[in-house]
Amino acid sequence: MNWITWLDLAGVMIFALTGVVVACRSRMDPIGMLVLGAVTGIGGGTLRDLVLGIGPVFWVEQPIYLWVILLTVMVATLGFHYIHRLTRVFLPVTDAFGLALFTVLGAHKARMLGLDGIVAVLMGTMSGVAGGMIRDVLARRVPMVLRQEIYASASLAGGILYIALLEAGVGLAWATGAAILLILAIRLPAIYWHLTLPTFAWVIIPPPPAGFARQWSEA
């Protein structure tokens, strides 16, 4: 296996671990832990391959991804008492590393198929955020990408840098490292300082006080 595959497996393991953490905090049983670990670890890549028309999807051809998820969940199950003691920062920080790895690897796979740069960036973002979205929906949580979190924007920035560096002739290893560092440089400070994106909402006009309409009609 080349270093790209090792990075991919590391991303699967990290994301699977975040799924286990969410499952433990949601008081799920071992099956629930396995389901959340699996959908988080391979959900984004599966959707990416389906959108790109790649068949069979990567984990069908390479079952080692499933073994990595199973091993991660088994080890985490044995130490679930320690998971409950983890700080609230552990999940978003761990998730940030998975986001960085999967964004770059997703963009890389799309580019290897000869697709346009903007498509590669979107496929990288899908690989990075889709698994976590499925995890949070199954755990009845609002997905991080739909909150004020600086999350998908960090993924987009890393994907754009990765493609731009490759187009400029920078080596694959350097482009990969720079994109991963950029995503972490955006996401981790946002976690530490609670930085968020601005939100937009409709201005809600309160209803008129009781008796206002009657007084207006009498006038």
C-alpha atoms as a PDB file:
ATOM      1  CA  MET A   1       0.000   0.000   0.000  1.00  0.00           C
ATOM      2  CA  ASN A   2       1.200   3.511  -0.804  1.00  0.00           C
ATOM      3  CA  TRP A   3       1.177   6.455   1.583  1.00  0.00           C
ATOM      4  CA  ILE A   4      -2.110   7.764   0.162  1.00  0.00           C
ATOM      5  CA  THR A   5      -3.830   4.534   1.216  1.00  0.00           C
ATOM      6  CA  TRP A   6      -2.270   4.741   4.673  1.00  0.00           C
ATOM      7  CA  LEU A   7      -3.591   8.290   5.047  1.00  0.00           C
ATOM      8  CA  ASP A   8      -7.022   7.090   3.943  1.00  0.00           C
ATOM      9  CA  LEU A   9      -7.006   4.301   6.525  1.00  0.00           C
ATOM     10  CA  ALA A  10      -5.910   6.768   9.205  1.00  0.00           C
ATOM     11  CA  GLY A  11      -8.818   9.015   8.272  1.00  0.00           C
ATOM     12  CA  VAL A  12     -11.257   6.101   8.486  1.00  0.00           C
ATOM     13  CA  MET A  13      -9.939   5.167  11.920  1.00  0.00           C
ATOM     14  CA  ILE A  14     -10.172   8.763  13.203  1.00  0.00           C
ATOM     15  CA  PHE A  15     -13.691   9.279  11.887  1.00  0.00           C
ATOM     16  CA  ALA A  16     -14.799   5.873  13.170  1.00  0.00           C
ATOM     17  CA  LEU A  17     -13.532   6.879  16.606  1.00  0.00           C
ATOM     18  CA  THR A  18     -15.605  10.069  16.515  1.00  0.00           C
ATOM     19  CA  GLY A  19     -18.624   7.938  15.680  1.00  0.00           C
ATOM     20  CA  VAL A  20     -17.960   5.770  18.719  1.00  0.00           C
ATOM     21  CA  VAL A  21     -17.623   8.847  20.946  1.00  0.00           C
ATOM     22  CA  VAL A  22     -20.975  10.202  19.748  1.00  0.00           C
ATOM     23  CA  ALA A  23     -22.574   6.772  20.234  1.00  0.00           C
ATOM     24  CA  CYS A  24     -21.282   6.565  23.813  1.00  0.00           C
ATOM     25  CA  ARG A  25     -22.554  10.031  24.632  1.00  0.00           C
ATOM     26  CA  SER A  26     -25.920   9.070  23.137  1.00  0.00           C
ATOM     27  CA  ARG A  27     -25.993   5.922  25.335  1.00  0.00           C
ATOM     28  CA  MET A  28     -26.056   3.492  22.411  1.00  0.00           C
ATOM     29  CA  ASP A  29     -25.250  -0.216  22.604  1.00  0.00           C
ATOM     30  CA  PRO A  30     -22.261  -1.852  20.822  1.00  0.00           C
ATOM     31  CA  ILE A  31     -24.291  -2.243  17.613  1.00  0.00           C
ATOM     32  CA  GLY A  32     -25.058   1.458  17.677  1.00  0.00           C
ATOM     33  CA  MET A  33     -21.368   2.171  18.203  1.00  0.00           C
ATOM     34  CA  LEU A  34     -20.506   0.010  15.207  1.00  0.00           C
ATOM     35  CA  VAL A  35     -23.131   1.653  12.995  1.00  0.00           C
ATOM     36  CA  LEU A  36     -22.059   5.189  13.867  1.00  0.00           C
ATOM     37  CA  GLY A  37     -18.405   4.261  13.524  1.00  0.00           C
ATOM     38  CA  ALA A  38     -19.019   2.752  10.088  1.00  0.00           C
ATOM     39  CA  VAL A  39     -21.163   5.542   8.639  1.00  0.00           C
ATOM     40  CA  THR A  40     -18.713   8.151   9.882  1.00  0.00           C
ATOM     41  CA  GLY A  41     -15.666   6.300   8.626  1.00  0.00           C
ATOM     42  CA  ILE A  42     -16.851   5.357   5.143  1.00  0.00           C
ATOM     43  CA  GLY A  43     -20.073   7.326   4.623  1.00  0.00           C
ATOM     44  CA  GLY A  44     -18.499  10.322   2.912  1.00  0.00           C
ATOM     45  CA  GLY A  45     -16.294   8.226   0.648  1.00  0.00           C
ATOM     46  CA  THR A  46     -19.224   5.998  -0.272  1.00  0.00           C
ATOM     47  CA  LEU A  47     -21.350   8.970  -1.351  1.00  0.00           C
ATOM     48  CA  ARG A  48     -18.398  10.372  -3.280  1.00  0.00           C
ATOM     49  CA  ASP A  49     -17.888   7.131  -5.211  1.00  0.00           C
ATOM     50  CA  LEU A  50     -21.610   6.850  -5.939  1.00  0.00           C
ATOM     51  CA  VAL A  51     -21.756  10.417  -7.266  1.00  0.00           C
ATOM     52  CA  LEU A  52     -18.669   9.827  -9.400  1.00  0.00           C
ATOM     53  CA  GLY A  53     -20.123   6.568 -10.722  1.00  0.00           C
ATOM     54  CA  ILE A  54     -17.282   4.459  -9.347  1.00  0.00           C
ATOM     55  CA  GLY A  55     -18.343   0.894  -8.807  1.00  0.00           C
ATOM     56  CA  PRO A  56     -17.948  -1.022  -6.691  1.00  0.00           C
ATOM     57  CA  VAL A  57     -17.225   1.529  -3.961  1.00  0.00           C
ATOM     58  CA  PHE A  58     -13.786   1.540  -2.395  1.00  0.00           C
ATOM     59  CA  TRP A  59     -14.524  -0.568   0.701  1.00  0.00           C
ATOM     60  CA  VAL A  60     -16.083  -3.362  -1.385  1.00  0.00           C
ATOM     61  CA  GLU A  61     -12.884  -3.756  -3.364  1.00  0.00           C
ATOM     62  CA  GLN A  62     -10.685  -3.245  -0.297  1.00  0.00           C
ATOM     63  CA  PRO A  63     -12.345  -4.800   2.786  1.00  0.00           C
ATOM     64  CA  ILE A  64      -9.413  -3.645   4.912  1.00  0.00           C
ATOM     65  CA  TYR A  65     -11.416  -0.458   5.517  1.00  0.00           C
ATOM     66  CA  LEU A  66     -14.137  -2.522   7.180  1.00  0.00           C
ATOM     67  CA  TRP A  67     -11.575  -4.340   9.308  1.00  0.00           C
ATOM     68  CA  VAL A  68     -10.093  -1.025  10.429  1.00  0.00           C
ATOM     69  CA  ILE A  69     -13.557   0.184  11.485  1.00  0.00           C
ATOM     70  CA  LEU A  70     -14.312  -3.073  13.292  1.00  0.00           C
ATOM     71  CA  LEU A  71     -10.979  -3.025  15.113  1.00  0.00           C
ATOM     72  CA  THR A  72     -11.419   0.633  16.092  1.00  0.00           C
ATOM     73  CA  VAL A  73     -14.895   0.005  17.482  1.00  0.00           C
ATOM     74  CA  MET A  74     -13.779  -3.112  19.354  1.00  0.00           C
ATOM     75  CA  VAL A  75     -10.873  -1.334  21.032  1.00  0.00           C
ATOM     76  CA  ALA A  76     -13.071   1.657  21.853  1.00  0.00           C
ATOM     77  CA  THR A  77     -15.753  -0.637  23.280  1.00  0.00           C
ATOM     78  CA  LEU A  78     -13.243  -2.147  25.687  1.00  0.00           C
ATOM     79  CA  GLY A  79     -12.305   1.329  26.885  1.00  0.00           C
ATOM     80  CA  PHE A  80     -15.703   3.011  26.734  1.00  0.00           C
ATOM     81  CA  HIS A  81     -15.418   4.039  30.380  1.00  0.00           C
ATOM     82  CA  TYR A  82     -12.534   6.312  29.385  1.00  0.00           C
ATOM     83  CA  ILE A  83     -14.520   7.750  26.472  1.00  0.00           C
ATOM     84  CA  HIS A  84     -17.088   9.126  28.887  1.00  0.00           C
ATOM     85  CA  ARG A  85     -14.296  10.995  30.640  1.00  0.00           C
ATOM     86  CA  LEU A  86     -13.055  12.707  27.502  1.00  0.00           C
ATOM     87  CA  THR A  87     -13.489  16.457  27.381  1.00  0.00           C
ATOM     88  CA  ARG A  88     -15.966  18.068  25.024  1.00  0.00           C
ATOM     89  CA  VAL A  89     -13.024  19.347  22.980  1.00  0.00           C
ATOM     90  CA  PHE A  90     -11.850  15.841  22.053  1.00  0.00           C
ATOM     91  CA  LEU A  91     -14.606  15.150  19.525  1.00  0.00           C
ATOM     92  CA  PRO A  92     -14.285  18.354  17.444  1.00  0.00           C
ATOM     93  CA  VAL A  93     -10.471  18.214  17.515  1.00  0.00           C
ATOM     94  CA  THR A  94     -10.383  14.581  16.413  1.00  0.00           C
ATOM     95  CA  ASP A  95     -13.039  15.331  13.826  1.00  0.00           C
ATOM     96  CA  ALA A  96     -10.883  18.175  12.483  1.00  0.00           C
ATOM     97  CA  PHE A  97      -8.055  15.766  11.668  1.00  0.00           C
ATOM     98  CA  GLY A  98     -10.457  13.403   9.928  1.00  0.00           C
ATOM     99  CA  LEU A  99     -11.932  16.327   7.999  1.00  0.00           C
ATOM    100  CA  ALA A 100      -8.485  17.420   6.817  1.00  0.00           C
ATOM    101  CA  LEU A 101      -7.460  13.942   5.680  1.00  0.00           C
ATOM    102  CA  PHE A 102     -10.694  13.069   3.909  1.00  0.00           C
ATOM    103  CA  THR A 103     -10.986  16.429   2.162  1.00  0.00           C
ATOM    104  CA  VAL A 104      -7.595  16.054   0.524  1.00  0.00           C
ATOM    105  CA  LEU A 105      -8.048  12.374  -0.283  1.00  0.00           C
ATOM    106  CA  GLY A 106     -11.489  12.965  -1.791  1.00  0.00           C
ATOM    107  CA  ALA A 107     -10.174  15.771  -3.980  1.00  0.00           C
ATOM    108  CA  HIS A 108      -7.222  13.591  -4.963  1.00  0.00           C
ATOM    109  CA  LYS A 109      -9.444  10.735  -6.077  1.00  0.00           C
ATOM    110  CA  ALA A 110     -11.607  13.039  -8.202  1.00  0.00           C
ATOM    111  CA  ARG A 111      -8.550  14.606  -9.790  1.00  0.00           C
ATOM    112  CA  MET A 112      -7.097  11.213 -10.639  1.00  0.00           C
ATOM    113  CA  LEU A 113     -10.253  10.629 -12.678  1.00  0.00           C
ATOM    114  CA  GLY A 114      -9.420  13.719 -14.717  1.00  0.00           C
ATOM    115  CA  LEU A 115     -12.348  15.775 -13.438  1.00  0.00           C
ATOM    116  CA  ASP A 116     -12.460  19.567 -13.359  1.00  0.00           C
ATOM    117  CA  GLY A 117     -10.887  21.335 -10.388  1.00  0.00           C
ATOM    118  CA  ILE A 118     -14.165  22.652  -8.988  1.00  0.00           C
ATOM    119  CA  VAL A 119     -15.639  19.140  -9.075  1.00  0.00           C
ATOM    120  CA  ALA A 120     -12.580  17.796  -7.267  1.00  0.00           C
ATOM    121  CA  VAL A 121     -12.962  20.449  -4.557  1.00  0.00           C
ATOM    122  CA  LEU A 122     -16.639  19.575  -4.067  1.00  0.00           C
ATOM    123  CA  MET A 123     -15.858  15.861  -3.929  1.00  0.00           C
ATOM    124  CA  GLY A 124     -13.226  16.570  -1.302  1.00  0.00           C
ATOM    125  CA  THR A 125     -15.711  18.523   0.776  1.00  0.00           C
ATOM    126  CA  MET A 126     -18.295  15.762   0.399  1.00  0.00           C
ATOM    127  CA  SER A 127     -15.775  13.175   1.542  1.00  0.00           C
ATOM    128  CA  GLY A 128     -14.901  15.315   4.549  1.00  0.00           C
ATOM    129  CA  VAL A 129     -18.320  16.356   5.830  1.00  0.00           C
ATOM    130  CA  ALA A 130     -20.891  13.773   4.661  1.00  0.00           C
ATOM    131  CA  GLY A 131     -19.901  11.001   7.071  1.00  0.00           C
ATOM    132  CA  GLY A 132     -20.110  13.327  10.063  1.00  0.00           C
ATOM    133  CA  MET A 133     -23.485  14.598   8.884  1.00  0.00           C
ATOM    134  CA  ILE A 134     -24.900  11.075   8.723  1.00  0.00           C
ATOM    135  CA  ARG A 135     -23.435  10.327  12.155  1.00  0.00           C
ATOM    136  CA  ASP A 136     -25.017  13.383  13.748  1.00  0.00           C
ATOM    137  CA  VAL A 137     -28.400  12.801  12.091  1.00  0.00           C
ATOM    138  CA  LEU A 138     -28.513   9.212  13.365  1.00  0.00           C
ATOM    139  CA  ALA A 139     -27.587  10.466  16.843  1.00  0.00           C
ATOM    140  CA  ARG A 140     -30.312  13.131  16.592  1.00  0.00           C
ATOM    141  CA  ARG A 141     -27.809  15.988  16.710  1.00  0.00           C
ATOM    142  CA  VAL A 142     -27.636  19.056  14.500  1.00  0.00           C
ATOM    143  CA  PRO A 143     -24.730  18.330  12.098  1.00  0.00           C
ATOM    144  CA  MET A 144     -21.709  20.555  12.593  1.00  0.00           C
ATOM    145  CA  VAL A 145     -21.794  21.615   8.961  1.00  0.00           C
ATOM    146  CA  LEU A 146     -25.295  23.078   9.476  1.00  0.00           C
ATOM    147  CA  ARG A 147     -24.367  25.069  12.562  1.00  0.00           C
ATOM    148  CA  GLN A 148     -22.341  28.275  12.838  1.00  0.00           C
ATOM    149  CA  GLU A 149     -19.205  26.145  13.032  1.00  0.00           C
ATOM    150  CA  ILE A 150     -16.309  26.999  10.712  1.00  0.00           C
ATOM    151  CA  TYR A 151     -16.318  23.495   9.278  1.00  0.00           C
ATOM    152  CA  ALA A 152     -17.282  23.103   5.626  1.00  0.00           C
ATOM    153  CA  SER A 153     -15.561  26.403   4.854  1.00  0.00           C
ATOM    154  CA  ALA A 154     -12.295  24.990   6.203  1.00  0.00           C
ATOM    155  CA  SER A 155     -12.752  21.937   4.009  1.00  0.00           C
ATOM    156  CA  LEU A 156     -13.418  24.081   0.935  1.00  0.00           C
ATOM    157  CA  ALA A 157     -10.342  26.199   1.607  1.00  0.00           C
ATOM    158  CA  GLY A 158      -8.132  23.135   1.924  1.00  0.00           C
ATOM    159  CA  GLY A 159      -9.548  21.567  -1.228  1.00  0.00           C
ATOM    160  CA  ILE A 160      -9.026  24.749  -3.220  1.00  0.00           C
ATOM    161  CA  LEU A 161      -5.427  25.061  -2.025  1.00  0.00           C
ATOM    162  CA  TYR A 162      -4.732  21.418  -2.841  1.00  0.00           C
ATOM    163  CA  ILE A 163      -5.997  21.694  -6.415  1.00  0.00           C
ATOM    164  CA  ALA A 164      -4.329  25.087  -6.923  1.00  0.00           C
ATOM    165  CA  LEU A 165      -0.945  23.752  -5.812  1.00  0.00           C
ATOM    166  CA  LEU A 166      -1.217  20.717  -8.070  1.00  0.00           C
ATOM    167  CA  GLU A 167      -2.171  22.930 -11.011  1.00  0.00           C
ATOM    168  CA  ALA A 168       0.872  25.089 -10.231  1.00  0.00           C
ATOM    169  CA  GLY A 169       3.130  22.053 -10.508  1.00  0.00           C
ATOM    170  CA  VAL A 170       3.774  21.477  -6.812  1.00  0.00           C
ATOM    171  CA  GLY A 171       4.494  17.881  -5.855  1.00  0.00           C
ATOM    172  CA  LEU A 172       1.710  15.653  -4.549  1.00  0.00           C
ATOM    173  CA  ALA A 173       3.222  15.221  -1.089  1.00  0.00           C
ATOM    174  CA  TRP A 174       3.773  18.967  -0.616  1.00  0.00           C
ATOM    175  CA  ALA A 175       0.291  19.836  -1.861  1.00  0.00           C
ATOM    176  CA  THR A 176      -1.245  17.223   0.436  1.00  0.00           C
ATOM    177  CA  GLY A 177       0.659  18.444   3.483  1.00  0.00           C
ATOM    178  CA  ALA A 178      -0.091  22.113   2.789  1.00  0.00           C
ATOM    179  CA  ALA A 179      -3.828  21.479   2.338  1.00  0.00           C
ATOM    180  CA  ILE A 180      -4.059  19.409   5.528  1.00  0.00           C
ATOM    181  CA  LEU A 181      -2.201  22.086   7.500  1.00  0.00           C
ATOM    182  CA  LEU A 182      -4.460  24.823   6.130  1.00  0.00           C
ATOM    183  CA  ILE A 183      -7.631  22.986   7.157  1.00  0.00           C
ATOM    184  CA  LEU A 184      -6.240  22.398  10.644  1.00  0.00           C
ATOM    185  CA  ALA A 185      -5.014  25.996  10.849  1.00  0.00           C
ATOM    186  CA  ILE A 186      -8.583  27.176  10.190  1.00  0.00           C
ATOM    187  CA  ARG A 187     -10.542  24.575  12.121  1.00  0.00           C
ATOM    188  CA  LEU A 188      -8.503  24.205  15.321  1.00  0.00           C
ATOM    189  CA  PRO A 189      -8.374  27.929  16.227  1.00  0.00           C
ATOM    190  CA  ALA A 190     -12.111  28.097  15.513  1.00  0.00           C
ATOM    191  CA  ILE A 191     -12.633  25.328  18.065  1.00  0.00           C
ATOM    192  CA  TYR A 192     -10.336  26.920  20.647  1.00  0.00           C
ATOM    193  CA  TRP A 193     -11.704  30.459  20.385  1.00  0.00           C
ATOM    194  CA  HIS A 194     -15.271  29.444  19.513  1.00  0.00           C
ATOM    195  CA  LEU A 195     -15.133  31.307  16.218  1.00  0.00           C
ATOM    196  CA  THR A 196     -18.273  31.057  14.110  1.00  0.00           C
ATOM    197  CA  LEU A 197     -19.640  32.257  10.810  1.00  0.00           C
ATOM    198  CA  PRO A 198     -22.213  35.050  10.774  1.00  0.00           C
ATOM    199  CA  THR A 199     -25.832  33.973  10.655  1.00  0.00           C
ATOM    200  CA  PHE A 200     -28.703  35.539   8.782  1.00  0.00           C
ATOM    201  CA  ALA A 201     -32.289  35.468   9.959  1.00  0.00           C
ATOM    202  CA  TRP A 202     -35.556  37.090   9.009  1.00  0.00           C
ATOM    203  CA  VAL A 203     -36.673  39.940  11.221  1.00  0.00           C
ATOM    204  CA  ILE A 204     -39.770  38.744  13.044  1.00  0.00           C
ATOM    205  CA  ILE A 205     -42.358  41.504  13.502  1.00  0.00           C
ATOM    206  CA  PRO A 206     -44.337  40.900  16.710  1.00  0.00           C
ATOM    207  CA  PRO A 207     -48.146  40.840  16.398  1.00  0.00           C
ATOM    208  CA  PRO A 208     -50.036  44.024  17.360  1.00  0.00           C
ATOM    209  CA  PRO A 209     -51.266  44.239  20.952  1.00  0.00           C
ATOM    210  CA  ALA A 210     -54.726  42.978  21.805  1.00  0.00           C
ATOM    211  CA  GLY A 211     -57.459  45.451  20.898  1.00  0.00           C
ATOM    212  CA  PHE A 212     -55.263  47.340  18.422  1.00  0.00           C
ATOM    213  CA  ALA A 213     -57.252  46.216  15.355  1.00  0.00           C
ATOM    214  CA  ARG A 214     -60.567  47.195  17.006  1.00  0.00           C
ATOM    215  CA  GLN A 215     -59.290  50.614  17.963  1.00  0.00           C
ATOM    216  CA  TRP A 216     -58.019  51.151  14.393  1.00  0.00           C
ATOM    217  CA  SER A 217     -61.380  50.194  12.877  1.00  0.00           C
ATOM    218  CA  GLU A 218     -63.293  52.481  15.246  1.00  0.00           C
ATOM    219  CA  ALA A 219     -61.041  55.359  14.338  1.00  0.00           C
END
